[in-house]
């Protein structure tokens, strides 16, 4: 199943034309290669109300996956997580936890990420860092699992994560060893 994706770049300097957006195009190429259909990219400054409006518009356009890049650090104007939390109906804490865990293998600075993820309607919103390298390092370990989540979110697959897995009930003894072995 093909899903649509929107990349929202959050950057004052890119918005003012003082710096080229490198993260947005890098993410777009990666998710397109993974089979997503891209909707037009969005560029907003580090203003919470404008980030919220862009997120809501992407969800109203029925984007399955909304990726933000930028605004997840400690700088005073880094408010992308706050905007995401304001528009989401349900949080998905496992995604940013997995991103931080994977990226801690690369740099101890990964623990400083304030990225978040959540659901609004039928859309999954995931915050990524602003640098192209960090954005890719964060997305790569979670994108395969995201497609399963989108199937459930969009009711195009099993609504139970265990469907299709081998049954385990009664297969193991109380001590964890496989019965009969």
Foldseek 3Di string as FASTA:
>chain_A
DEFEEEEEEEAPCVVVVNDPQPQRVLVVVVVVVVRYHYDDYHYYYLDLVVLLVVVVVCVVVVGAEYEYEALFADDPSSCNVVSQVVQAPFWDAVLLVVLLVQCVVVPVCSVRGNWTWHDHQLHIYTYFYRDNVRRCSSCVVCVVVVVVVSCCSVVVDDVDPCPPPDDDVPQADPVGHGPPD
